[in-house]
Amino acid sequence: MTSQMKFARFLLENVPKHIEHFSRFSPSPLSMKQFLDFGEYAQSLLEILDFQDKNPDDQRILETFVEVLEAIRNRHNEVVPTMAQGVIEYKDAFRQQDDGATNHNIQYFLDRFYTSRISIRMLINQHTLIFDGNTNPAHPNTIGCIDSKCDVTEVVRDAYDSAKLMCEQYYLGAPELELRQMNANSIREPIQISYIPSHLYHMLFELFKNAMRATIENHEASRTLPPIQVLVALGGEDLSIKMSDRGCGVPFRKTECLFSYMYSTAPRPSIGDQQRAPLAGFGYGLPLSRLYARYFQGDLQLYSMEGYGTDAVLHMKALSTDSVERLPVFNKAALRHYKLSLEADDWCVPSKEPLDLAIYRAAK
């Protein structure tokens, strides 16, 4: 029996035991064990292990490995909507048992799960793009999926154009874009950083969709739509992108809820629902965009003024040496997050919803 087969047997005999143990600390409807039972993750693992003892200098082996990686990546394309559907089913099944501790556990687990997924897919994309032998003449500075001279304003316009197309198809109109840039290092030079354009595009596309939807739905009676203003600023350490809309904003108490996987302002979709609005989904746009930003030590923050609009500020590292992966660590400290219990607050906390004075007067 080869060492490869021994290793595979060891994994198959021992991994389920550990999965069974750790799955007790994750939200029950999102059990890791259930995902392994489904077979996709186990299959992908075994397919990669198949190359453990192969010769990396053999060109045919390299080509086959690239094909396997591409198949693995495509196999897991639907993980996000599948997990989102699981969260919806959990909320429906345990609505009466919903509490802050459970929401914290789900948020903590999914943040770490999706961050790991972002990292794995980046590694797969980087390998396949480098070893498939193809180059992109439009972006000669690209190494794999990383562009050492990523033109930020170009990505902003690409994301806006895509969101505008979807918005016009659904609402028959879209706000215009007002784009400005400020390069503090060299005023006349374009703003370029070393980054992954697809990650930046994903974040901006989600922010544009939210801004367009809010703007149109809150200015239906207006003959003209207020534009979406974007400011790109590059300093010594940070590159920041501020997107401002006039979509009437959200109450301050709901701002942090916008980053929760358990919260969405859009009508609830379902897997296979072909009629859902293209600018709305499972409510995962902002949480995932923040994870993409934090993946390379950046962040995404929202500043909303109810009755006026919202500023979304995307922070990224200007220097490639500072753009270090932010990955979850699995240790005993991580397990403590799943044992969190609600304790009495040492500050007075008002009710979550505003009081209805009409009901209050009627009761008197």
Protein backbone atom coordinates (compact mmCIF):
# COMPACT_ATOMS: atom_id res chain seq x y z
CA MET A 1 0.00 0.00 0.00
CA THR A 2 1.45 3.37 -1.00
CA SER A 3 1.97 6.20 1.47
CA GLN A 4 -0.72 8.11 -0.39
CA MET A 5 -3.29 5.41 0.32
CA LYS A 6 -2.19 5.18 3.97
CA PHE A 7 -2.58 8.95 4.36
CA ALA A 8 -6.00 8.90 2.72
CA ARG A 9 -7.08 6.03 4.99
CA PHE A 10 -5.82 7.95 8.03
CA LEU A 11 -7.88 10.99 7.01
CA LEU A 12 -11.01 9.00 6.33
CA GLU A 13 -10.72 7.15 9.64
CA ASN A 14 -9.79 10.09 11.86
CA VAL A 15 -11.13 13.30 10.28
CA PRO A 16 -14.81 12.40 10.84
CA LYS A 17 -14.08 11.98 14.57
CA HIS A 18 -12.60 15.49 14.79
CA ILE A 19 -15.37 16.93 12.61
CA GLU A 20 -17.94 15.34 14.90
CA HIS A 21 -16.24 16.98 17.87
CA PHE A 22 -15.86 20.48 16.41
CA SER A 23 -19.28 20.49 14.78
CA ARG A 24 -20.75 20.61 18.29
CA PHE A 25 -19.40 24.14 18.59
CA SER A 26 -20.88 25.43 15.32
CA PRO A 27 -24.51 26.36 14.63
CA SER A 28 -26.37 23.08 14.18
CA PRO A 29 -27.99 23.79 10.79
CA LEU A 30 -24.56 24.72 9.40
CA SER A 31 -22.78 21.60 10.62
CA MET A 32 -19.41 20.93 9.02
CA LYS A 33 -20.11 17.23 9.35
CA GLN A 34 -23.20 17.60 7.15
CA PHE A 35 -21.09 19.25 4.48
CA LEU A 36 -18.62 16.35 4.54
CA ASP A 37 -21.50 13.88 4.45
CA PHE A 38 -22.69 15.69 1.35
CA GLY A 39 -19.47 14.51 -0.26
CA GLU A 40 -18.19 17.56 -2.10
CA TYR A 41 -15.47 18.54 0.36
CA ALA A 42 -14.31 14.98 0.89
CA GLN A 43 -14.16 14.45 -2.87
CA SER A 44 -12.14 17.63 -3.41
CA LEU A 45 -9.71 16.66 -0.64
CA LEU A 46 -9.13 13.19 -2.08
CA GLU A 47 -8.62 14.60 -5.58
CA ILE A 48 -5.84 16.87 -4.31
CA LEU A 49 -4.26 14.07 -2.25
CA ASP A 50 -4.03 12.05 -5.43
CA PHE A 51 -1.14 14.31 -6.50
CA GLN A 52 0.83 13.94 -3.29
CA ASP A 53 3.47 11.64 -4.76
CA LYS A 54 3.31 12.81 -8.36
CA ASN A 55 6.32 14.33 -10.12
CA PRO A 56 5.91 18.15 -10.21
CA ASP A 57 8.42 18.38 -13.08
CA ASP A 58 6.17 16.38 -15.39
CA GLN A 59 4.30 18.85 -17.63
CA ARG A 60 1.37 16.47 -18.09
CA ILE A 61 1.01 16.16 -14.32
CA LEU A 62 0.97 19.95 -13.98
CA GLU A 63 -1.70 20.28 -16.67
CA THR A 64 -3.83 17.62 -15.03
CA PHE A 65 -3.43 19.29 -11.64
CA VAL A 66 -4.62 22.61 -13.09
CA GLU A 67 -7.67 20.88 -14.56
CA VAL A 68 -8.46 19.25 -11.21
CA LEU A 69 -8.13 22.57 -9.39
CA GLU A 70 -10.47 24.25 -11.87
CA ALA A 71 -13.00 21.43 -11.42
CA ILE A 72 -12.78 21.79 -7.62
CA ARG A 73 -13.28 25.54 -7.83
CA ASN A 74 -16.32 25.17 -10.10
CA ARG A 75 -17.77 22.41 -7.93
CA HIS A 76 -17.99 24.78 -4.97
CA ASN A 77 -19.40 27.79 -6.84
CA GLU A 78 -22.79 27.43 -5.16
CA VAL A 79 -21.51 27.22 -1.58
CA VAL A 80 -22.51 30.79 -0.68
CA PRO A 81 -26.17 30.58 -1.81
CA THR A 82 -26.44 27.10 -0.29
CA MET A 83 -25.20 28.36 3.08
CA ALA A 84 -27.49 31.38 2.79
CA GLN A 85 -30.46 29.11 2.21
CA GLY A 86 -29.42 27.17 5.31
CA VAL A 87 -29.48 30.37 7.37
CA ILE A 88 -32.97 31.18 6.04
CA GLU A 89 -34.21 27.70 6.95
CA TYR A 90 -32.66 28.05 10.40
CA LYS A 91 -34.47 31.35 11.00
CA ASP A 92 -37.75 29.79 9.89
CA ALA A 93 -37.30 26.70 12.07
CA PHE A 94 -35.96 28.39 15.22
CA ARG A 95 -37.55 31.82 15.02
CA GLN A 96 -38.83 31.67 18.61
CA GLN A 97 -35.43 30.56 19.94
CA ASP A 98 -33.52 33.37 18.24
CA ASP A 99 -31.17 35.17 20.63
CA GLY A 100 -28.02 37.25 20.63
CA ALA A 101 -25.71 34.37 21.52
CA THR A 102 -26.93 32.26 18.59
CA ASN A 103 -26.60 35.17 16.19
CA HIS A 104 -23.06 35.76 17.45
CA ASN A 105 -22.15 32.10 16.89
CA ILE A 106 -23.51 32.12 13.34
CA GLN A 107 -21.79 35.41 12.52
CA TYR A 108 -18.47 34.23 13.96
CA PHE A 109 -18.62 30.86 12.21
CA LEU A 110 -19.61 32.24 8.80
CA ASP A 111 -17.03 35.05 8.91
CA ARG A 112 -14.29 32.49 9.43
CA PHE A 113 -15.77 29.99 7.00
CA TYR A 114 -16.07 32.54 4.17
CA THR A 115 -12.65 34.05 4.88
CA SER A 116 -11.11 30.59 4.49
CA ARG A 117 -13.09 30.16 1.29
CA ILE A 118 -11.81 33.48 -0.08
CA SER A 119 -8.24 32.40 0.66
CA ILE A 120 -8.62 28.93 -0.88
CA ARG A 121 -10.19 30.29 -4.07
CA MET A 122 -7.49 32.93 -4.35
CA LEU A 123 -4.78 30.25 -4.12
CA ILE A 124 -6.56 28.13 -6.74
CA ASN A 125 -6.99 31.10 -9.08
CA GLN A 126 -3.38 32.17 -8.61
CA HIS A 127 -2.07 28.71 -9.46
CA THR A 128 -4.34 28.07 -12.43
CA LEU A 129 -3.73 31.49 -13.98
CA ILE A 130 0.05 31.17 -13.66
CA PHE A 131 0.33 27.60 -14.93
CA ASP A 132 -2.29 27.60 -17.70
CA GLY A 133 0.20 29.35 -19.99
CA ASN A 134 -2.11 32.23 -20.94
CA THR A 135 -1.42 35.93 -20.42
CA ASN A 136 -3.71 38.95 -20.51
CA PRO A 137 -2.28 41.54 -22.97
CA ALA A 138 -4.66 44.19 -21.60
CA HIS A 139 -2.99 43.88 -18.18
CA PRO A 140 0.71 43.12 -18.70
CA ASN A 141 1.51 43.77 -15.02
CA THR A 142 -0.75 40.98 -13.81
CA ILE A 143 0.87 37.99 -12.12
CA GLY A 144 -1.80 35.36 -11.78
CA CYS A 145 -4.77 37.17 -10.26
CA ILE A 146 -2.66 39.96 -8.72
CA ASP A 147 -2.20 43.20 -10.65
CA SER A 148 0.91 45.03 -9.45
CA LYS A 149 -0.43 48.24 -11.01
CA CYS A 150 -4.16 47.91 -10.49
CA ASP A 151 -5.86 51.05 -11.84
CA VAL A 152 -8.41 51.73 -9.11
CA THR A 153 -10.55 54.24 -11.00
CA GLU A 154 -10.77 51.84 -13.94
CA VAL A 155 -12.14 49.13 -11.65
CA VAL A 156 -14.58 51.66 -10.15
CA ARG A 157 -15.95 52.45 -13.61
CA ASP A 158 -16.17 48.76 -14.56
CA ALA A 159 -18.13 47.97 -11.39
CA TYR A 160 -20.41 50.97 -11.94
CA ASP A 161 -21.11 50.03 -15.57
CA SER A 162 -22.06 46.48 -14.58
CA ALA A 163 -24.34 47.61 -11.75
CA LYS A 164 -25.86 50.30 -13.98
CA LEU A 165 -26.71 47.71 -16.64
CA MET A 166 -28.52 45.54 -14.10
CA CYS A 167 -30.26 48.55 -12.59
CA GLU A 168 -31.52 49.76 -15.97
CA GLN A 169 -32.82 46.31 -16.83
CA TYR A 170 -34.89 46.16 -13.65
CA TYR A 171 -35.76 49.80 -12.90
CA LEU A 172 -35.42 51.27 -16.42
CA GLY A 173 -32.99 53.86 -15.12
CA ALA A 174 -29.92 54.36 -12.96
CA PRO A 175 -28.14 57.19 -11.09
CA GLU A 176 -25.14 58.74 -12.79
CA LEU A 177 -21.61 58.46 -11.44
CA GLU A 178 -19.52 61.40 -10.24
CA LEU A 179 -15.95 60.16 -9.79
CA ARG A 180 -13.08 62.11 -8.28
CA GLN A 181 -9.60 61.04 -7.21
CA MET A 182 -6.95 62.52 -4.95
CA ASN A 183 -3.41 61.17 -5.12
CA ALA A 184 -1.55 62.76 -2.22
CA ASN A 185 1.72 61.16 -3.35
CA SER A 186 1.64 62.52 -6.89
CA ILE A 187 -1.31 64.71 -7.87
CA ARG A 188 -1.00 64.17 -11.63
CA GLU A 189 -0.41 60.42 -11.51
CA PRO A 190 -3.24 57.85 -11.72
CA ILE A 191 -3.98 55.90 -8.56
CA GLN A 192 -2.48 52.42 -8.85
CA ILE A 193 -1.82 49.80 -6.17
CA SER A 194 -0.86 46.16 -6.03
CA TYR A 195 -4.16 44.35 -5.54
CA ILE A 196 -6.51 41.69 -6.85
CA PRO A 197 -8.83 43.48 -9.30
CA SER A 198 -11.56 40.84 -8.98
CA HIS A 199 -11.74 41.38 -5.21
CA LEU A 200 -11.95 45.15 -5.61
CA TYR A 201 -14.55 44.77 -8.35
CA HIS A 202 -16.66 42.49 -6.16
CA MET A 203 -16.73 44.98 -3.28
CA LEU A 204 -17.49 47.99 -5.46
CA PHE A 205 -20.14 46.16 -7.47
CA GLU A 206 -22.03 45.25 -4.28
CA LEU A 207 -21.78 48.82 -2.97
CA PHE A 208 -23.02 50.25 -6.28
CA LYS A 209 -25.98 47.84 -6.31
CA ASN A 210 -27.01 48.90 -2.81
CA ALA A 211 -26.58 52.59 -3.59
CA MET A 212 -28.55 52.39 -6.84
CA ARG A 213 -31.40 50.42 -5.31
CA ALA A 214 -31.70 52.81 -2.36
CA THR A 215 -31.52 55.88 -4.60
CA ILE A 216 -34.18 54.74 -7.06
CA GLU A 217 -36.61 53.32 -4.51
CA ASN A 218 -36.48 56.55 -2.49
CA HIS A 219 -36.77 58.92 -5.48
CA GLU A 220 -39.49 57.22 -7.50
CA ALA A 221 -41.47 60.44 -7.76
CA SER A 222 -38.48 62.54 -8.84
CA ARG A 223 -37.84 63.41 -12.47
CA THR A 224 -34.09 63.18 -11.94
CA LEU A 225 -32.01 60.90 -9.76
CA PRO A 226 -29.26 62.27 -7.52
CA PRO A 227 -25.87 60.94 -8.67
CA ILE A 228 -23.68 58.48 -6.79
CA GLN A 229 -20.48 60.24 -5.79
CA VAL A 230 -17.23 58.31 -5.48
CA LEU A 231 -13.97 59.71 -4.13
CA VAL A 232 -10.74 57.70 -4.43
CA ALA A 233 -7.92 58.93 -2.18
CA LEU A 234 -4.37 57.57 -1.96
CA GLY A 235 -2.10 58.44 0.95
CA GLY A 236 1.13 57.11 2.37
CA GLU A 237 -0.42 54.06 4.04
CA ASP A 238 -4.03 53.78 2.95
CA LEU A 239 -6.08 53.83 -0.19
CA SER A 240 -9.67 54.80 0.60
CA ILE A 241 -12.76 54.80 -1.57
CA LYS A 242 -15.83 56.69 -0.36
CA MET A 243 -19.14 56.05 -2.10
CA SER A 244 -21.95 58.49 -1.25
CA ASP A 245 -25.60 58.09 -2.20
CA ARG A 246 -28.83 59.99 -1.56
CA GLY A 247 -30.89 56.91 -0.78
CA CYS A 248 -32.33 58.33 2.49
CA GLY A 249 -30.04 56.17 4.65
CA VAL A 250 -30.97 53.82 7.49
CA PRO A 251 -31.47 54.42 11.23
CA PHE A 252 -28.24 54.43 13.22
CA ARG A 253 -29.39 51.47 15.35
CA LYS A 254 -29.63 49.31 12.21
CA THR A 255 -26.21 50.14 10.74
CA GLU A 256 -24.36 47.18 12.25
CA CYS A 257 -27.26 44.88 11.33
CA LEU A 258 -26.42 45.49 7.67
CA PHE A 259 -23.30 43.34 8.14
CA SER A 260 -25.22 40.46 9.69
CA TYR A 261 -25.91 37.26 7.77
CA MET A 262 -29.21 37.06 9.65
CA TYR A 263 -30.47 40.41 8.33
CA SER A 264 -31.58 41.66 4.93
CA THR A 265 -33.71 44.59 3.76
CA ALA A 266 -34.55 42.89 0.46
CA PRO A 267 -37.44 40.48 -0.21
CA ARG A 268 -36.40 36.95 0.72
CA PRO A 269 -35.17 34.93 -2.29
CA SER A 270 -34.76 31.18 -2.57
CA ILE A 271 -32.41 28.94 -4.52
CA GLY A 272 -33.67 28.53 -8.05
CA ASP A 273 -35.82 31.67 -7.82
CA GLN A 274 -35.35 33.20 -11.27
CA GLN A 275 -37.73 36.09 -10.64
CA ARG A 276 -35.93 37.78 -7.76
CA ALA A 277 -34.69 41.33 -8.20
CA PRO A 278 -31.12 41.40 -9.56
CA LEU A 279 -30.16 44.18 -7.16
CA ALA A 280 -31.24 42.22 -4.11
CA GLY A 281 -30.35 38.80 -2.79
CA PHE A 282 -29.68 36.97 0.45
CA GLY A 283 -28.29 40.05 2.20
CA TYR A 284 -24.75 38.73 1.93
CA GLY A 285 -23.35 41.55 -0.22
CA LEU A 286 -22.10 43.74 2.62
CA PRO A 287 -20.88 40.98 4.99
CA LEU A 288 -18.86 39.30 2.23
CA SER A 289 -17.55 42.62 0.91
CA ARG A 290 -16.26 43.47 4.37
CA LEU A 291 -14.51 40.09 4.52
CA TYR A 292 -12.86 40.76 1.15
CA ALA A 293 -11.67 44.13 2.45
CA ARG A 294 -10.38 42.67 5.72
CA TYR A 295 -8.67 39.79 3.95
CA PHE A 296 -5.73 42.07 3.13
CA GLN A 297 -5.91 44.13 6.36
CA GLY A 298 -8.45 46.66 5.07
CA ASP A 299 -12.02 47.31 6.14
CA LEU A 300 -15.46 48.45 5.03
CA GLN A 301 -17.41 50.95 7.12
CA LEU A 302 -20.84 52.53 6.72
CA TYR A 303 -21.87 56.01 7.85
CA SER A 304 -25.57 56.58 7.34
CA MET A 305 -27.72 59.68 7.88
CA GLU A 306 -31.35 58.66 8.02
CA GLY A 307 -33.42 60.88 5.77
CA TYR A 308 -30.45 61.81 3.57
CA GLY A 309 -28.12 59.02 2.44
CA THR A 310 -25.21 56.72 3.20
CA ASP A 311 -21.43 56.93 2.88
CA ALA A 312 -19.66 53.61 2.40
CA VAL A 313 -15.91 53.88 2.98
CA LEU A 314 -13.64 51.13 1.72
CA HIS A 315 -10.14 51.08 3.24
CA MET A 316 -7.22 49.18 1.68
CA LYS A 317 -3.47 49.11 2.23
CA ALA A 318 -1.56 51.30 -0.19
CA LEU A 319 1.65 49.26 0.16
CA SER A 320 1.86 45.66 -0.96
CA THR A 321 4.15 44.87 2.00
CA ASP A 322 1.28 45.76 4.36
CA SER A 323 -1.30 43.68 2.47
CA VAL A 324 -0.91 40.51 4.51
CA GLU A 325 -3.56 37.81 4.61
CA ARG A 326 -5.92 37.87 7.58
CA LEU A 327 -6.83 34.24 8.20
CA PRO A 328 -8.75 32.50 10.99
CA VAL A 329 -6.81 30.47 13.55
CA PHE A 330 -8.46 27.37 14.98
CA ASN A 331 -7.52 26.93 18.63
CA LYS A 332 -9.07 26.86 22.09
CA ALA A 333 -9.63 30.61 22.00
CA ALA A 334 -11.81 30.13 18.94
CA LEU A 335 -13.90 27.50 20.71
CA ARG A 336 -14.72 29.95 23.50
CA HIS A 337 -16.62 32.10 21.02
CA TYR A 338 -19.13 29.29 20.56
CA LYS A 339 -19.67 29.03 24.32
CA LEU A 340 -20.71 32.66 24.66
CA SER A 341 -23.72 33.15 26.91
CA LEU A 342 -25.78 36.26 27.33
CA GLU A 343 -25.19 38.06 30.59
CA ALA A 344 -26.95 41.00 32.15
CA ASP A 345 -25.76 44.25 30.60
CA ASP A 346 -24.05 46.71 32.92
CA TRP A 347 -25.57 49.63 30.98
CA CYS A 348 -29.26 50.41 30.65
CA VAL A 349 -30.43 49.26 27.21
CA PRO A 350 -33.57 50.71 25.56
CA SER A 351 -35.94 48.57 23.52
CA LYS A 352 -34.75 47.66 20.03
CA GLU A 353 -37.76 49.15 18.27
CA PRO A 354 -39.05 52.73 18.72
CA LEU A 355 -42.10 53.02 20.98
CA ASP A 356 -45.48 53.44 19.27
CA LEU A 357 -46.94 56.42 21.15
CA ALA A 358 -50.42 55.78 19.77
CA ILE A 359 -50.52 52.36 21.44
CA TYR A 360 -49.06 53.87 24.64
CA ARG A 361 -51.79 56.55 24.86
CA ALA A 362 -54.52 53.98 24.14
CA ALA A 363 -53.28 51.82 27.02
CA LYS A 364 -53.62 54.76 29.41
